[in-house]
Amino acid sequence: MSVELSREALEHVKTYKYKTNGLTPIEIYVFDPFWTFVANNLLPDRLAPNLLTIMGLIVPICSFITIGYLSVNFQGYLPPWVWLLSTFGLFWYQTIDAIDGKQARRTDNCSPLGQLLDHNLDQISFTIFMCTACALLQTGGNILAI
């Protein structure tokens, strides 16, 4: 079965721009001002948004490797510093994921590759965070135990 698009629909595809908006008051009044401050004041213009996106996975991957080393079967006790590392990894990724798009728009470096990279790394990070949650809650790999 094939799908045919009208001329109007094809024109819409050509001009489509991905946009997000805040969905909760905490995102609108707390996180977004923080992310805007970081993107506008702490990042150099020469920092590529795609590199920033990839850098967002560094801490979560380190956290996941640490958990894998300390609790291979997701059942063992994990020290409190691992919880802190995992929490920081989530905060790190969330912040980088929010500011990479702001950096791209600020430096006029928006691209389909950047969107593809961002959305694919979101999927990888989600898997890492779910495995991390299973390990921290000592589910033993049984996600239904949560």
N, C-alpha and C. Protein backbone atom coordinates (compact mmCIF):
# COMPACT_ATOMS: atom_id res chain seq x y z
N MET A 1 0.84 -1.16 0.00
CA MET A 1 0.00 0.00 0.00
C MET A 1 0.89 1.24 0.00
N SER A 2 0.65 2.11 -0.89
CA SER A 2 1.46 3.31 -0.97
C SER A 2 0.66 4.52 -0.51
N VAL A 3 1.38 5.50 -0.04
CA VAL A 3 0.76 6.73 0.42
C VAL A 3 1.22 7.85 -0.49
N GLU A 4 0.29 8.60 -1.00
CA GLU A 4 0.64 9.72 -1.85
C GLU A 4 0.29 11.02 -1.13
N LEU A 5 1.23 11.95 -1.18
CA LEU A 5 1.01 13.24 -0.55
C LEU A 5 0.61 14.28 -1.58
N SER A 6 -0.28 15.14 -1.19
CA SER A 6 -0.68 16.23 -2.08
C SER A 6 0.45 17.25 -2.17
N ARG A 7 0.33 18.16 -3.11
CA ARG A 7 1.34 19.23 -3.26
C ARG A 7 1.44 20.07 -1.98
N GLU A 8 0.28 20.35 -1.39
CA GLU A 8 0.27 21.14 -0.15
C GLU A 8 1.02 20.41 0.96
N ALA A 9 0.79 19.12 1.07
CA ALA A 9 1.45 18.33 2.10
C ALA A 9 2.96 18.29 1.86
N LEU A 10 3.39 18.16 0.62
CA LEU A 10 4.82 18.15 0.30
C LEU A 10 5.46 19.49 0.65
N GLU A 11 4.77 20.58 0.37
CA GLU A 11 5.29 21.90 0.72
C GLU A 11 5.41 22.04 2.23
N HIS A 12 4.44 21.49 2.94
CA HIS A 12 4.50 21.54 4.40
C HIS A 12 5.70 20.75 4.93
N VAL A 13 6.00 19.61 4.33
CA VAL A 13 7.16 18.81 4.73
C VAL A 13 8.44 19.60 4.53
N LYS A 14 8.53 20.32 3.43
CA LYS A 14 9.73 21.11 3.14
C LYS A 14 9.95 22.24 4.14
N THR A 15 8.87 22.80 4.63
CA THR A 15 8.99 23.96 5.53
C THR A 15 8.84 23.60 7.00
N TYR A 16 8.73 22.32 7.31
CA TYR A 16 8.52 21.89 8.69
C TYR A 16 9.71 22.27 9.56
N LYS A 17 9.42 22.83 10.74
CA LYS A 17 10.43 23.15 11.74
C LYS A 17 10.02 22.48 13.05
N TYR A 18 10.95 21.76 13.64
CA TYR A 18 10.69 21.11 14.92
C TYR A 18 10.72 22.16 16.02
N LYS A 19 9.66 22.22 16.84
CA LYS A 19 9.61 23.17 17.94
C LYS A 19 9.10 22.46 19.18
N THR A 20 9.65 22.83 20.31
CA THR A 20 9.16 22.30 21.57
C THR A 20 8.61 23.45 22.38
N ASN A 21 7.84 23.12 23.37
CA ASN A 21 7.35 24.14 24.29
C ASN A 21 7.27 23.52 25.68
N GLY A 22 7.34 24.37 26.69
CA GLY A 22 7.26 23.89 28.05
C GLY A 22 5.89 23.33 28.36
N LEU A 23 5.86 22.22 29.06
CA LEU A 23 4.59 21.57 29.35
C LEU A 23 4.18 21.70 30.81
N THR A 24 5.12 21.99 31.69
CA THR A 24 4.80 22.08 33.11
C THR A 24 5.32 23.39 33.67
N PRO A 25 4.75 23.88 34.75
CA PRO A 25 5.24 25.12 35.34
C PRO A 25 6.70 25.05 35.77
N ILE A 26 7.15 23.90 36.30
CA ILE A 26 8.55 23.81 36.71
C ILE A 26 9.49 23.91 35.52
N GLU A 27 9.07 23.35 34.38
CA GLU A 27 9.89 23.46 33.17
C GLU A 27 9.92 24.90 32.67
N ILE A 28 8.77 25.54 32.69
CA ILE A 28 8.66 26.90 32.17
C ILE A 28 9.37 27.92 33.05
N TYR A 29 9.18 27.81 34.37
CA TYR A 29 9.68 28.86 35.28
C TYR A 29 11.00 28.55 35.96
N VAL A 30 11.41 27.30 35.97
CA VAL A 30 12.67 26.94 36.64
C VAL A 30 13.71 26.44 35.63
N PHE A 31 13.38 25.34 34.95
CA PHE A 31 14.37 24.73 34.09
C PHE A 31 14.72 25.58 32.87
N ASP A 32 13.71 26.08 32.16
CA ASP A 32 14.00 26.83 30.94
C ASP A 32 14.86 28.07 31.19
N PRO A 33 14.60 28.86 32.23
CA PRO A 33 15.53 29.98 32.50
C PRO A 33 16.95 29.51 32.80
N PHE A 34 17.07 28.39 33.53
CA PHE A 34 18.40 27.84 33.82
C PHE A 34 19.10 27.41 32.53
N TRP A 35 18.37 26.66 31.69
CA TRP A 35 18.96 26.19 30.43
C TRP A 35 19.32 27.35 29.51
N THR A 36 18.48 28.36 29.46
CA THR A 36 18.77 29.53 28.63
C THR A 36 20.00 30.25 29.14
N PHE A 37 20.13 30.39 30.45
CA PHE A 37 21.32 31.02 31.02
C PHE A 37 22.58 30.25 30.66
N VAL A 38 22.54 28.93 30.83
CA VAL A 38 23.71 28.10 30.51
C VAL A 38 24.06 28.23 29.03
N ALA A 39 23.07 28.12 28.17
CA ALA A 39 23.33 28.16 26.72
C ALA A 39 23.85 29.52 26.27
N ASN A 40 23.33 30.59 26.84
CA ASN A 40 23.72 31.93 26.39
C ASN A 40 24.97 32.47 27.06
N ASN A 41 25.30 31.99 28.25
CA ASN A 41 26.40 32.60 29.00
C ASN A 41 27.59 31.68 29.27
N LEU A 42 27.40 30.38 29.24
CA LEU A 42 28.48 29.48 29.63
C LEU A 42 29.07 28.67 28.48
N LEU A 43 28.45 28.73 27.31
CA LEU A 43 28.94 27.95 26.17
C LEU A 43 29.60 28.86 25.15
N PRO A 44 30.80 28.50 24.69
CA PRO A 44 31.42 29.29 23.63
C PRO A 44 30.71 29.09 22.30
N ASP A 45 30.74 30.09 21.46
CA ASP A 45 30.08 30.02 20.15
C ASP A 45 30.66 28.92 19.27
N ARG A 46 31.92 28.59 19.46
CA ARG A 46 32.57 27.61 18.58
C ARG A 46 32.25 26.16 18.96
N LEU A 47 31.54 25.95 20.07
CA LEU A 47 31.17 24.60 20.48
C LEU A 47 30.03 24.08 19.61
N ALA A 48 30.30 23.01 18.87
CA ALA A 48 29.31 22.45 17.96
C ALA A 48 28.18 21.79 18.75
N PRO A 49 26.93 22.06 18.37
CA PRO A 49 25.80 21.46 19.08
C PRO A 49 25.81 19.93 19.04
N ASN A 50 26.25 19.33 17.93
CA ASN A 50 26.29 17.87 17.85
C ASN A 50 27.33 17.29 18.81
N LEU A 51 28.44 17.99 18.99
CA LEU A 51 29.44 17.55 19.97
C LEU A 51 28.86 17.67 21.37
N LEU A 52 28.14 18.72 21.60
CA LEU A 52 27.48 18.91 22.90
C LEU A 52 26.50 17.76 23.17
N THR A 53 25.75 17.37 22.16
CA THR A 53 24.80 16.26 22.28
C THR A 53 25.52 14.97 22.68
N ILE A 54 26.62 14.69 22.01
CA ILE A 54 27.39 13.48 22.32
C ILE A 54 27.99 13.56 23.72
N MET A 55 28.45 14.74 24.11
CA MET A 55 29.01 14.91 25.46
C MET A 55 27.97 14.63 26.54
N GLY A 56 26.70 14.78 26.21
CA GLY A 56 25.65 14.53 27.18
C GLY A 56 25.59 13.10 27.65
N LEU A 57 26.09 12.17 26.86
CA LEU A 57 26.04 10.75 27.25
C LEU A 57 27.25 10.30 28.07
N ILE A 58 28.25 11.14 28.23
CA ILE A 58 29.48 10.72 28.91
C ILE A 58 29.21 10.30 30.35
N VAL A 59 28.58 11.15 31.14
CA VAL A 59 28.35 10.83 32.56
C VAL A 59 27.37 9.67 32.72
N PRO A 60 26.23 9.65 32.00
CA PRO A 60 25.36 8.48 32.16
C PRO A 60 26.03 7.16 31.78
N ILE A 61 26.86 7.16 30.75
CA ILE A 61 27.55 5.93 30.38
C ILE A 61 28.55 5.53 31.47
N CYS A 62 29.28 6.49 32.01
CA CYS A 62 30.21 6.19 33.12
C CYS A 62 29.45 5.64 34.32
N SER A 63 28.30 6.21 34.61
CA SER A 63 27.48 5.73 35.72
C SER A 63 27.01 4.29 35.45
N PHE A 64 26.58 4.04 34.23
CA PHE A 64 26.10 2.71 33.87
C PHE A 64 27.22 1.67 33.93
N ILE A 65 28.40 2.03 33.47
CA ILE A 65 29.55 1.11 33.53
C ILE A 65 29.91 0.82 34.98
N THR A 66 29.88 1.85 35.83
CA THR A 66 30.17 1.67 37.25
C THR A 66 29.16 0.72 37.89
N ILE A 67 27.90 0.91 37.59
CA ILE A 67 26.86 0.04 38.13
C ILE A 67 27.04 -1.39 37.61
N GLY A 68 27.36 -1.53 36.33
CA GLY A 68 27.60 -2.85 35.76
C GLY A 68 28.76 -3.57 36.43
N TYR A 69 29.77 -2.82 36.83
CA TYR A 69 30.92 -3.41 37.51
C TYR A 69 30.57 -3.82 38.94
N LEU A 70 29.81 -2.96 39.62
CA LEU A 70 29.51 -3.21 41.03
C LEU A 70 28.33 -4.18 41.24
N SER A 71 27.41 -4.23 40.29
CA SER A 71 26.22 -5.07 40.45
C SER A 71 25.81 -5.63 39.09
N VAL A 72 26.50 -6.67 38.67
CA VAL A 72 26.29 -7.25 37.35
C VAL A 72 24.85 -7.75 37.17
N ASN A 73 24.28 -8.34 38.21
CA ASN A 73 22.95 -8.94 38.10
C ASN A 73 21.83 -8.04 38.61
N PHE A 74 22.14 -6.78 38.90
CA PHE A 74 21.15 -5.79 39.39
C PHE A 74 20.53 -6.20 40.72
N GLN A 75 21.26 -6.96 41.52
CA GLN A 75 20.71 -7.39 42.80
C GLN A 75 21.55 -6.94 43.99
N GLY A 76 22.80 -6.60 43.76
CA GLY A 76 23.68 -6.28 44.87
C GLY A 76 23.48 -4.88 45.42
N TYR A 77 23.99 -4.69 46.63
CA TYR A 77 23.95 -3.38 47.28
C TYR A 77 24.86 -2.42 46.53
N LEU A 78 24.37 -1.22 46.31
CA LEU A 78 25.17 -0.17 45.68
C LEU A 78 25.39 0.94 46.69
N PRO A 79 26.63 1.39 46.85
CA PRO A 79 26.90 2.44 47.83
C PRO A 79 26.20 3.76 47.48
N PRO A 80 26.01 4.62 48.47
CA PRO A 80 25.31 5.89 48.23
C PRO A 80 25.95 6.76 47.16
N TRP A 81 27.27 6.70 46.99
CA TRP A 81 27.90 7.55 45.98
C TRP A 81 27.47 7.15 44.57
N VAL A 82 27.08 5.88 44.37
CA VAL A 82 26.59 5.45 43.06
C VAL A 82 25.23 6.08 42.78
N TRP A 83 24.40 6.19 43.81
CA TRP A 83 23.12 6.87 43.66
C TRP A 83 23.36 8.34 43.27
N LEU A 84 24.32 8.97 43.92
CA LEU A 84 24.62 10.37 43.60
C LEU A 84 25.17 10.50 42.18
N LEU A 85 26.05 9.58 41.78
CA LEU A 85 26.58 9.60 40.42
C LEU A 85 25.45 9.42 39.40
N SER A 86 24.53 8.52 39.68
CA SER A 86 23.41 8.30 38.77
C SER A 86 22.49 9.51 38.70
N THR A 87 22.26 10.14 39.84
CA THR A 87 21.43 11.35 39.86
C THR A 87 22.10 12.46 39.08
N PHE A 88 23.41 12.63 39.28
CA PHE A 88 24.13 13.65 38.53
C PHE A 88 24.12 13.33 37.03
N GLY A 89 24.25 12.05 36.69
CA GLY A 89 24.22 11.64 35.28
C GLY A 89 22.89 12.00 34.62
N LEU A 90 21.79 11.80 35.34
CA LEU A 90 20.47 12.17 34.80
C LEU A 90 20.36 13.69 34.64
N PHE A 91 20.80 14.43 35.67
CA PHE A 91 20.77 15.90 35.59
C PHE A 91 21.64 16.39 34.44
N TRP A 92 22.83 15.81 34.31
CA TRP A 92 23.76 16.18 33.25
C TRP A 92 23.12 15.98 31.88
N TYR A 93 22.57 14.78 31.66
CA TYR A 93 21.99 14.50 30.35
C TYR A 93 20.79 15.40 30.07
N GLN A 94 19.95 15.59 31.06
CA GLN A 94 18.77 16.43 30.87
C GLN A 94 19.18 17.86 30.51
N THR A 95 20.20 18.36 31.18
CA THR A 95 20.66 19.73 30.91
C THR A 95 21.28 19.82 29.52
N ILE A 96 22.17 18.91 29.19
CA ILE A 96 22.82 18.94 27.88
C ILE A 96 21.80 18.75 26.76
N ASP A 97 20.84 17.86 26.98
CA ASP A 97 19.81 17.62 25.97
C ASP A 97 18.97 18.88 25.74
N ALA A 98 18.76 19.66 26.78
CA ALA A 98 17.97 20.88 26.64
C ALA A 98 18.76 22.02 26.01
N ILE A 99 20.06 22.08 26.28
CA ILE A 99 20.82 23.24 25.78
C ILE A 99 21.44 23.01 24.41
N ASP A 100 21.52 21.76 23.95
CA ASP A 100 22.12 21.56 22.63
C ASP A 100 21.29 22.20 21.52
N GLY A 101 19.98 22.12 21.64
CA GLY A 101 19.12 22.77 20.65
C GLY A 101 19.20 24.29 20.74
N LYS A 102 19.29 24.80 21.97
CA LYS A 102 19.44 26.26 22.15
C LYS A 102 20.76 26.73 21.55
N GLN A 103 21.80 25.92 21.73
CA GLN A 103 23.12 26.26 21.15
C GLN A 103 23.05 26.24 19.63
N ALA A 104 22.36 25.26 19.08
CA ALA A 104 22.24 25.15 17.62
C ALA A 104 21.50 26.36 17.05
N ARG A 105 20.42 26.75 17.70
CA ARG A 105 19.68 27.91 17.20
C ARG A 105 20.46 29.21 17.41
N ARG A 106 21.16 29.30 18.55
CA ARG A 106 21.92 30.51 18.84
C ARG A 106 23.06 30.72 17.85
N THR A 107 23.71 29.64 17.45
CA THR A 107 24.85 29.73 16.53
C THR A 107 24.45 29.45 15.08
N ASP A 108 23.17 29.29 14.83
CA ASP A 108 22.63 29.02 13.51
C ASP A 108 23.24 27.76 12.90
N ASN A 109 23.26 26.69 13.69
CA ASN A 109 23.80 25.40 13.25
C ASN A 109 22.76 24.30 13.30
N CYS A 110 21.51 24.63 13.08
CA CYS A 110 20.45 23.62 13.07
C CYS A 110 20.57 22.76 11.81
N SER A 111 20.39 21.47 11.98
CA SER A 111 20.48 20.58 10.83
C SER A 111 19.66 19.32 11.07
N PRO A 112 19.24 18.65 10.01
CA PRO A 112 18.54 17.37 10.17
C PRO A 112 19.42 16.34 10.87
N LEU A 113 20.73 16.38 10.63
CA LEU A 113 21.64 15.46 11.31
C LEU A 113 21.58 15.68 12.82
N GLY A 114 21.55 16.93 13.24
CA GLY A 114 21.47 17.25 14.66
C GLY A 114 20.19 16.72 15.28
N GLN A 115 19.07 16.86 14.58
CA GLN A 115 17.80 16.34 15.08
C GLN A 115 17.84 14.83 15.18
N LEU A 116 18.38 14.19 14.16
CA LEU A 116 18.48 12.73 14.15
C LEU A 116 19.37 12.24 15.28
N LEU A 117 20.53 12.88 15.44
CA LEU A 117 21.46 12.51 16.50
C LEU A 117 20.81 12.71 17.86
N ASP A 118 20.15 13.83 18.05
CA ASP A 118 19.52 14.14 19.34
C ASP A 118 18.46 13.10 19.69
N HIS A 119 17.59 12.79 18.77
CA HIS A 119 16.51 11.86 19.06
C HIS A 119 17.03 10.43 19.25
N ASN A 120 18.06 10.04 18.52
CA ASN A 120 18.61 8.69 18.70
C ASN A 120 19.36 8.57 20.03
N LEU A 121 20.08 9.61 20.41
CA LEU A 121 20.77 9.56 21.70
C LEU A 121 19.77 9.62 22.86
N ASP A 122 18.62 10.24 22.64
CA ASP A 122 17.56 10.19 23.65
C ASP A 122 17.13 8.75 23.89
N GLN A 123 17.01 7.97 22.84
CA GLN A 123 16.61 6.57 22.98
C GLN A 123 17.68 5.75 23.70
N ILE A 124 18.93 5.99 23.37
CA ILE A 124 20.03 5.29 24.05
C ILE A 124 20.05 5.67 25.52
N SER A 125 19.91 6.95 25.81
CA SER A 125 19.95 7.40 27.20
C SER A 125 18.77 6.84 27.98
N PHE A 126 17.59 6.77 27.37
CA PHE A 126 16.43 6.20 28.06
C PHE A 126 16.72 4.76 28.48
N THR A 127 17.33 3.99 27.60
CA THR A 127 17.68 2.60 27.92
C THR A 127 18.66 2.55 29.08
N ILE A 128 19.66 3.42 29.04
CA ILE A 128 20.65 3.48 30.12
C ILE A 128 19.97 3.84 31.44
N PHE A 129 19.08 4.83 31.42
CA PHE A 129 18.43 5.25 32.66
C PHE A 129 17.48 4.18 33.20
N MET A 130 16.82 3.44 32.34
CA MET A 130 15.95 2.36 32.81
C MET A 130 16.78 1.23 33.44
N CYS A 131 17.88 0.88 32.82
CA CYS A 131 18.76 -0.15 33.39
C CYS A 131 19.34 0.33 34.72
N THR A 132 19.70 1.60 34.78
CA THR A 132 20.23 2.18 36.01
C THR A 132 19.17 2.12 37.12
N ALA A 133 17.93 2.47 36.78
CA ALA A 133 16.85 2.41 37.78
C ALA A 133 16.65 0.98 38.27
N CYS A 134 16.69 0.00 37.37
CA CYS A 134 16.55 -1.40 37.77
C CYS A 134 17.68 -1.82 38.70
N ALA A 135 18.89 -1.38 38.42
CA ALA A 135 20.03 -1.74 39.28
C ALA A 135 19.92 -1.05 40.64
N LEU A 136 19.56 0.23 40.65
CA LEU A 136 19.46 0.95 41.92
C LEU A 136 18.34 0.41 42.79
N LEU A 137 17.26 -0.05 42.17
CA LEU A 137 16.14 -0.61 42.94
C LEU A 137 16.28 -2.11 43.18
N GLN A 138 17.41 -2.69 42.76
CA GLN A 138 17.76 -4.09 42.97
C GLN A 138 16.67 -5.05 42.48
N THR A 139 16.25 -4.83 41.24
CA THR A 139 15.18 -5.67 40.68
C THR A 139 15.69 -7.02 40.19
N GLY A 140 16.98 -7.17 40.02
CA GLY A 140 17.51 -8.42 39.50
C GLY A 140 17.17 -8.63 38.04
N GLY A 141 16.91 -7.56 37.33
CA GLY A 141 16.56 -7.67 35.93
C GLY A 141 15.07 -7.85 35.70
N ASN A 142 14.29 -8.03 36.77
CA ASN A 142 12.85 -8.20 36.65
C ASN A 142 12.20 -6.83 36.78
N ILE A 143 11.92 -6.21 35.64
CA ILE A 143 11.39 -4.85 35.64
C ILE A 143 9.99 -4.78 36.27
N LEU A 144 9.28 -5.90 36.31
CA LEU A 144 7.96 -5.91 36.94
C LEU A 144 8.04 -5.79 38.44
N ALA A 145 9.23 -5.95 39.01
CA ALA A 145 9.40 -5.82 40.45
C ALA A 145 9.35 -4.37 40.89
N ILE A 146 9.46 -3.44 39.95
CA ILE A 146 9.41 -2.02 40.30
C ILE A 146 8.00 -1.69 40.66
